[in-house]
Amino acid sequence: MAELCRRNAESNGFSERVQVVHSDIRNLIPQAPKFYDGVIFNPPYQRLGEGRSAKNPVIDKARREVVGQLDDFVRVALEQLTHDGHAHTILPMRRHQELVEVIEAQQGGLVRRRVICARENVTPRYFLATFGRQESLSHEEPPLVVHEGSGFAPEVAGWLGEVSSEA
């Protein structure tokens, strides 16, 4: 996964500005005592004990908190950020309150939240969150609608158009 991230950064012209760190989240601080303007992470969506275990152990680690819990991800993200830096993540809606509580317990603040809807007027299943070390500003952005009609919604189509025209 780390190699895929490195290749993605390189193919999009960000290899000089992106550092990919491949590590056990619980041991990251001693290995990389640096400060970053931004941290992006995609933690497992299910708590350990929720759902069924995947037969493939790699998939199981990606889906469930086998090697790190949400508070581990938030703690490390906040410790790695500069004072004005931000961390960005995506989680299922059912974990929103948990994320807010974990961020606040770590002396951070939720800065921005945006729900993701597969289609307009459909209950969102996921949300994007931005948080940092500073006080909570808690800005709710309009929903990100992914699909419209038989294709992508204009915002998503624009992103994909930009990516495909540069490739």
Foldseek 3Di string as FASTA:
>chain_A
DLVVVCVVCVLVVNNVPDDRDDDQLQPVCVVDVAADQEAEDEAAQAEPVPDDADPDNVVNRRHYVPRHDPLSVLLSRQSRHDQNHKYKYKYFPVCVVVNQVSQVVSQKAWAEKEFEAQAPPHDGGMMMTMIYNDYYNYYYDYHHHAPDDPHGDPVNVVVVVVVVVSD
